[in-house]
Amino acid sequence: MRVEIISIGDELLIGQTVNSNASWIGRQLLNIGVHVQWVTTVGDSHENLLQALRIAESRSDVILMTGGLGPTHDDVTKKVACRYFGASLVMNEEILQQVRERFRRRGVKMAAIN
């Protein structure tokens, strides 16, 4: 099985954040006998992420994407994934309530961007 991880975020490319997600995922997969073949890091660019998905699909059986889920002003991941897979986002009220509850338990106000 050919597995690729696509890590998303400008902060990874400029060295602001270490790509610990890819490292953790690779370790977890190795623990179950799955070897990651590629790790691609791409910034918060619509076109670059589309290109990374096309390349990954051409050479991998499984693609795992990490990062880029916001909520930040520069996040494009959800929009790109919808475009790439011909899907649309839907609001799930049950999940929204769970997210609100998680914020409440932490004593943090959930921002509107969430």
N, C-alpha and C. Protein backbone atom coordinates (compact mmCIF):
# COMPACT_ATOMS: atom_id res chain seq x y z
N MET A 1 0.86 -1.18 0.00
CA MET A 1 0.00 0.00 0.00
C MET A 1 0.91 1.24 0.00
N ARG A 2 0.64 2.13 -0.93
CA ARG A 2 1.41 3.38 -1.03
C ARG A 2 0.62 4.49 -0.33
N VAL A 3 1.23 5.05 0.72
CA VAL A 3 0.58 6.06 1.54
C VAL A 3 1.34 7.37 1.43
N GLU A 4 0.60 8.45 1.30
CA GLU A 4 1.18 9.79 1.26
C GLU A 4 0.48 10.68 2.27
N ILE A 5 1.27 11.49 2.95
CA ILE A 5 0.74 12.49 3.86
C ILE A 5 0.93 13.85 3.20
N ILE A 6 -0.14 14.63 3.12
CA ILE A 6 -0.03 16.01 2.67
C ILE A 6 -0.21 16.90 3.89
N SER A 7 0.84 17.62 4.22
CA SER A 7 0.81 18.56 5.34
C SER A 7 0.60 19.96 4.78
N ILE A 8 -0.35 20.69 5.37
CA ILE A 8 -0.76 21.96 4.80
C ILE A 8 -0.52 23.10 5.79
N GLY A 9 0.10 24.15 5.29
CA GLY A 9 0.25 25.35 6.11
C GLY A 9 1.52 26.12 5.79
N ASP A 10 1.37 27.42 5.56
CA ASP A 10 2.53 28.28 5.33
C ASP A 10 3.51 28.20 6.48
N GLU A 11 2.98 28.07 7.70
CA GLU A 11 3.84 28.04 8.89
C GLU A 11 4.82 26.88 8.87
N LEU A 12 4.48 25.79 8.18
CA LEU A 12 5.39 24.65 8.04
C LEU A 12 6.52 24.98 7.07
N LEU A 13 6.19 25.69 6.00
CA LEU A 13 7.19 26.01 4.98
C LEU A 13 8.20 27.05 5.42
N ILE A 14 7.79 27.95 6.29
CA ILE A 14 8.70 29.01 6.72
C ILE A 14 9.43 28.66 8.02
N GLY A 15 9.20 27.47 8.54
CA GLY A 15 9.90 27.03 9.73
C GLY A 15 9.33 27.55 11.03
N GLN A 16 8.18 28.17 10.96
CA GLN A 16 7.53 28.68 12.17
C GLN A 16 7.01 27.54 13.03
N THR A 17 6.60 26.45 12.38
CA THR A 17 6.05 25.27 13.06
C THR A 17 6.74 24.03 12.53
N VAL A 18 7.13 23.14 13.42
CA VAL A 18 7.71 21.86 13.04
C VAL A 18 6.57 20.92 12.64
N ASN A 19 6.79 20.13 11.61
CA ASN A 19 5.76 19.24 11.09
C ASN A 19 5.62 17.99 11.98
N SER A 20 5.18 18.20 13.19
CA SER A 20 5.03 17.09 14.13
C SER A 20 3.84 16.20 13.76
N ASN A 21 2.85 16.73 13.07
CA ASN A 21 1.71 15.90 12.67
C ASN A 21 2.15 14.77 11.75
N ALA A 22 2.95 15.08 10.73
CA ALA A 22 3.40 14.05 9.79
C ALA A 22 4.25 13.01 10.50
N SER A 23 5.10 13.47 11.40
CA SER A 23 5.94 12.55 12.17
C SER A 23 5.09 11.61 13.00
N TRP A 24 4.10 12.15 13.70
CA TRP A 24 3.23 11.33 14.55
C TRP A 24 2.44 10.34 13.71
N ILE A 25 1.87 10.81 12.60
CA ILE A 25 1.07 9.93 11.74
C ILE A 25 1.95 8.81 11.19
N GLY A 26 3.14 9.16 10.72
CA GLY A 26 4.06 8.15 10.19
C GLY A 26 4.40 7.09 11.22
N ARG A 27 4.64 7.51 12.45
CA ARG A 27 4.96 6.59 13.54
C ARG A 27 3.77 5.67 13.83
N GLN A 28 2.57 6.24 13.88
CA GLN A 28 1.37 5.44 14.17
C GLN A 28 1.12 4.42 13.06
N LEU A 29 1.32 4.82 11.83
CA LEU A 29 1.12 3.89 10.72
C LEU A 29 2.17 2.78 10.74
N LEU A 30 3.41 3.14 11.03
CA LEU A 30 4.46 2.13 11.11
C LEU A 30 4.15 1.10 12.19
N ASN A 31 3.54 1.55 13.29
CA ASN A 31 3.17 0.64 14.38
C ASN A 31 2.19 -0.43 13.93
N ILE A 32 1.43 -0.16 12.88
CA ILE A 32 0.49 -1.16 12.36
C ILE A 32 0.98 -1.76 11.03
N GLY A 33 2.26 -1.53 10.73
CA GLY A 33 2.86 -2.15 9.56
C GLY A 33 2.68 -1.42 8.25
N VAL A 34 2.26 -0.16 8.31
CA VAL A 34 2.06 0.63 7.09
C VAL A 34 3.20 1.62 6.97
N HIS A 35 3.88 1.60 5.83
CA HIS A 35 5.01 2.49 5.60
C HIS A 35 4.58 3.67 4.73
N VAL A 36 4.81 4.87 5.21
CA VAL A 36 4.51 6.07 4.44
C VAL A 36 5.58 6.21 3.36
N GLN A 37 5.15 6.45 2.13
CA GLN A 37 6.07 6.58 1.01
C GLN A 37 6.49 8.03 0.76
N TRP A 38 5.55 8.97 1.00
CA TRP A 38 5.83 10.38 0.73
C TRP A 38 5.17 11.24 1.79
N VAL A 39 5.84 12.35 2.10
CA VAL A 39 5.26 13.43 2.88
C VAL A 39 5.44 14.69 2.05
N THR A 40 4.34 15.30 1.67
CA THR A 40 4.37 16.53 0.88
C THR A 40 3.91 17.67 1.78
N THR A 41 4.65 18.75 1.77
CA THR A 41 4.26 19.93 2.52
C THR A 41 3.91 21.02 1.53
N VAL A 42 2.75 21.60 1.70
CA VAL A 42 2.27 22.64 0.79
C VAL A 42 1.70 23.78 1.62
N GLY A 43 1.89 24.99 1.13
CA GLY A 43 1.38 26.16 1.84
C GLY A 43 -0.11 26.35 1.62
N ASP A 44 -0.60 27.45 2.15
CA ASP A 44 -2.03 27.77 2.07
C ASP A 44 -2.34 28.41 0.72
N SER A 45 -2.14 27.65 -0.33
CA SER A 45 -2.39 28.12 -1.69
C SER A 45 -3.36 27.16 -2.37
N HIS A 46 -4.45 27.72 -2.86
CA HIS A 46 -5.48 26.93 -3.53
C HIS A 46 -4.88 26.07 -4.64
N GLU A 47 -4.16 26.70 -5.56
CA GLU A 47 -3.63 25.98 -6.72
C GLU A 47 -2.55 24.98 -6.33
N ASN A 48 -1.68 25.34 -5.38
CA ASN A 48 -0.63 24.41 -4.97
C ASN A 48 -1.20 23.18 -4.28
N LEU A 49 -2.25 23.38 -3.49
CA LEU A 49 -2.88 22.24 -2.83
C LEU A 49 -3.58 21.34 -3.85
N LEU A 50 -4.24 21.93 -4.83
CA LEU A 50 -4.86 21.12 -5.89
C LEU A 50 -3.80 20.30 -6.62
N GLN A 51 -2.66 20.92 -6.92
CA GLN A 51 -1.58 20.21 -7.59
C GLN A 51 -1.04 19.07 -6.72
N ALA A 52 -0.87 19.34 -5.43
CA ALA A 52 -0.38 18.30 -4.51
C ALA A 52 -1.35 17.11 -4.47
N LEU A 53 -2.65 17.39 -4.47
CA LEU A 53 -3.65 16.32 -4.48
C LEU A 53 -3.58 15.51 -5.77
N ARG A 54 -3.44 16.19 -6.89
CA ARG A 54 -3.35 15.48 -8.18
C ARG A 54 -2.14 14.55 -8.21
N ILE A 55 -1.00 15.06 -7.77
CA ILE A 55 0.23 14.25 -7.76
C ILE A 55 0.07 13.07 -6.80
N ALA A 56 -0.44 13.34 -5.62
CA ALA A 56 -0.62 12.28 -4.63
C ALA A 56 -1.56 11.20 -5.16
N GLU A 57 -2.64 11.62 -5.78
CA GLU A 57 -3.60 10.64 -6.30
C GLU A 57 -2.97 9.77 -7.39
N SER A 58 -2.05 10.35 -8.15
CA SER A 58 -1.43 9.60 -9.24
C SER A 58 -0.45 8.54 -8.76
N ARG A 59 0.03 8.66 -7.50
CA ARG A 59 1.07 7.74 -7.06
C ARG A 59 0.76 7.02 -5.75
N SER A 60 -0.35 7.33 -5.14
CA SER A 60 -0.64 6.78 -3.82
C SER A 60 -1.98 6.07 -3.79
N ASP A 61 -2.08 5.09 -2.91
CA ASP A 61 -3.34 4.40 -2.68
C ASP A 61 -4.15 5.09 -1.60
N VAL A 62 -3.45 5.69 -0.64
CA VAL A 62 -4.09 6.37 0.49
C VAL A 62 -3.43 7.74 0.63
N ILE A 63 -4.26 8.77 0.77
CA ILE A 63 -3.76 10.13 0.99
C ILE A 63 -4.34 10.63 2.31
N LEU A 64 -3.47 11.04 3.21
CA LEU A 64 -3.88 11.62 4.48
C LEU A 64 -3.49 13.09 4.46
N MET A 65 -4.44 13.96 4.77
CA MET A 65 -4.16 15.39 4.81
C MET A 65 -4.22 15.87 6.24
N THR A 66 -3.27 16.72 6.61
CA THR A 66 -3.22 17.24 7.96
C THR A 66 -2.90 18.72 7.93
N GLY A 67 -3.48 19.46 8.87
CA GLY A 67 -3.27 20.90 8.92
C GLY A 67 -4.21 21.62 7.99
N GLY A 68 -4.14 22.93 8.04
CA GLY A 68 -4.93 23.73 7.11
C GLY A 68 -6.42 23.71 7.34
N LEU A 69 -6.84 23.32 8.51
CA LEU A 69 -8.28 23.25 8.76
C LEU A 69 -8.83 24.47 9.49
N GLY A 70 -7.95 25.41 9.77
CA GLY A 70 -8.39 26.66 10.36
C GLY A 70 -8.82 26.50 11.80
N PRO A 71 -9.54 27.41 12.28
CA PRO A 71 -10.10 28.51 11.51
C PRO A 71 -9.13 29.69 11.44
N THR A 72 -8.61 29.91 10.26
CA THR A 72 -7.78 31.09 10.02
C THR A 72 -8.22 31.74 8.72
N HIS A 73 -7.83 32.98 8.55
CA HIS A 73 -8.24 33.72 7.35
C HIS A 73 -7.66 33.14 6.07
N ASP A 74 -6.52 32.44 6.16
CA ASP A 74 -5.85 31.95 4.96
C ASP A 74 -6.15 30.48 4.64
N ASP A 75 -7.02 29.85 5.40
CA ASP A 75 -7.29 28.43 5.18
C ASP A 75 -8.05 28.21 3.89
N VAL A 76 -7.53 27.30 3.07
CA VAL A 76 -8.20 26.96 1.81
C VAL A 76 -8.52 25.47 1.74
N THR A 77 -8.11 24.71 2.73
CA THR A 77 -8.18 23.25 2.65
C THR A 77 -9.59 22.73 2.39
N LYS A 78 -10.54 23.18 3.17
CA LYS A 78 -11.91 22.66 3.00
C LYS A 78 -12.46 23.01 1.61
N LYS A 79 -12.21 24.22 1.16
CA LYS A 79 -12.70 24.63 -0.16
C LYS A 79 -12.04 23.82 -1.27
N VAL A 80 -10.74 23.60 -1.15
CA VAL A 80 -10.03 22.83 -2.16
C VAL A 80 -10.51 21.38 -2.16
N ALA A 81 -10.67 20.80 -1.00
CA ALA A 81 -11.14 19.40 -0.92
C ALA A 81 -12.53 19.28 -1.56
N CYS A 82 -13.40 20.22 -1.28
CA CYS A 82 -14.74 20.19 -1.89
C CYS A 82 -14.64 20.28 -3.41
N ARG A 83 -13.82 21.19 -3.88
CA ARG A 83 -13.67 21.34 -5.33
C ARG A 83 -13.08 20.08 -5.94
N TYR A 84 -12.04 19.55 -5.33
CA TYR A 84 -11.35 18.39 -5.88
C TYR A 84 -12.25 17.16 -5.95
N PHE A 85 -13.05 16.96 -4.92
CA PHE A 85 -13.89 15.77 -4.85
C PHE A 85 -15.32 16.01 -5.32
N GLY A 86 -15.62 17.23 -5.79
CA GLY A 86 -16.96 17.53 -6.28
C GLY A 86 -18.00 17.44 -5.18
N ALA A 87 -17.64 17.89 -4.00
CA ALA A 87 -18.54 17.81 -2.84
C ALA A 87 -18.84 19.21 -2.32
N SER A 88 -19.71 19.27 -1.33
CA SER A 88 -19.99 20.56 -0.70
C SER A 88 -20.04 20.35 0.81
N LEU A 89 -19.78 21.44 1.52
CA LEU A 89 -19.85 21.38 2.98
C LEU A 89 -21.29 21.47 3.43
N VAL A 90 -21.60 20.78 4.50
CA VAL A 90 -22.93 20.86 5.09
C VAL A 90 -22.79 21.14 6.58
N MET A 91 -23.73 21.85 7.13
CA MET A 91 -23.73 22.15 8.55
C MET A 91 -24.39 20.99 9.28
N ASN A 92 -23.68 20.42 10.24
CA ASN A 92 -24.20 19.34 11.06
C ASN A 92 -24.42 19.91 12.46
N GLU A 93 -25.67 20.16 12.80
CA GLU A 93 -26.01 20.81 14.06
C GLU A 93 -25.54 20.00 15.27
N GLU A 94 -25.62 18.68 15.17
CA GLU A 94 -25.19 17.83 16.29
C GLU A 94 -23.68 18.01 16.56
N ILE A 95 -22.90 18.01 15.50
CA ILE A 95 -21.45 18.21 15.65
C ILE A 95 -21.16 19.63 16.13
N LEU A 96 -21.89 20.61 15.61
CA LEU A 96 -21.70 21.99 16.05
C LEU A 96 -21.93 22.11 17.55
N GLN A 97 -22.94 21.45 18.05
CA GLN A 97 -23.21 21.47 19.50
C GLN A 97 -22.07 20.84 20.28
N GLN A 98 -21.49 19.77 19.75
CA GLN A 98 -20.35 19.12 20.41
C GLN A 98 -19.14 20.06 20.45
N VAL A 99 -18.92 20.79 19.38
CA VAL A 99 -17.81 21.74 19.34
C VAL A 99 -18.06 22.87 20.33
N ARG A 100 -19.27 23.39 20.35
CA ARG A 100 -19.61 24.44 21.32
C ARG A 100 -19.39 23.97 22.75
N GLU A 101 -19.79 22.74 23.02
CA GLU A 101 -19.62 22.18 24.36
C GLU A 101 -18.15 22.04 24.71
N ARG A 102 -17.33 21.66 23.76
CA ARG A 102 -15.89 21.53 24.00
C ARG A 102 -15.30 22.89 24.39
N PHE A 103 -15.69 23.95 23.68
CA PHE A 103 -15.22 25.29 24.03
C PHE A 103 -15.71 25.68 25.42
N ARG A 104 -16.98 25.39 25.71
CA ARG A 104 -17.55 25.74 27.00
C ARG A 104 -16.80 25.07 28.14
N ARG A 105 -16.50 23.76 27.98
CA ARG A 105 -15.77 23.02 29.01
C ARG A 105 -14.38 23.60 29.25
N ARG A 106 -13.79 24.15 28.22
CA ARG A 106 -12.45 24.74 28.35
C ARG A 106 -12.52 26.18 28.88
N GLY A 107 -13.72 26.70 28.99
CA GLY A 107 -13.87 28.07 29.46
C GLY A 107 -13.43 29.10 28.45
N VAL A 108 -13.52 28.75 27.17
CA VAL A 108 -13.09 29.63 26.09
C VAL A 108 -14.30 29.98 25.24
N LYS A 109 -14.39 31.25 24.87
CA LYS A 109 -15.48 31.67 23.99
C LYS A 109 -15.16 31.24 22.56
N MET A 110 -16.13 30.61 21.92
CA MET A 110 -15.93 30.17 20.55
C MET A 110 -16.08 31.36 19.62
N ALA A 111 -15.05 31.65 18.84
CA ALA A 111 -15.08 32.77 17.90
C ALA A 111 -16.03 32.46 16.74
N ALA A 112 -16.57 33.50 16.15
CA ALA A 112 -17.50 33.34 15.02
C ALA A 112 -16.86 32.59 13.85
N ILE A 113 -15.56 32.76 13.67
CA ILE A 113 -14.87 32.09 12.55
C ILE A 113 -14.90 30.57 12.69
N ASN A 114 -15.07 30.10 13.94
CA ASN A 114 -15.16 28.65 14.15
C ASN A 114 -16.44 28.10 13.54
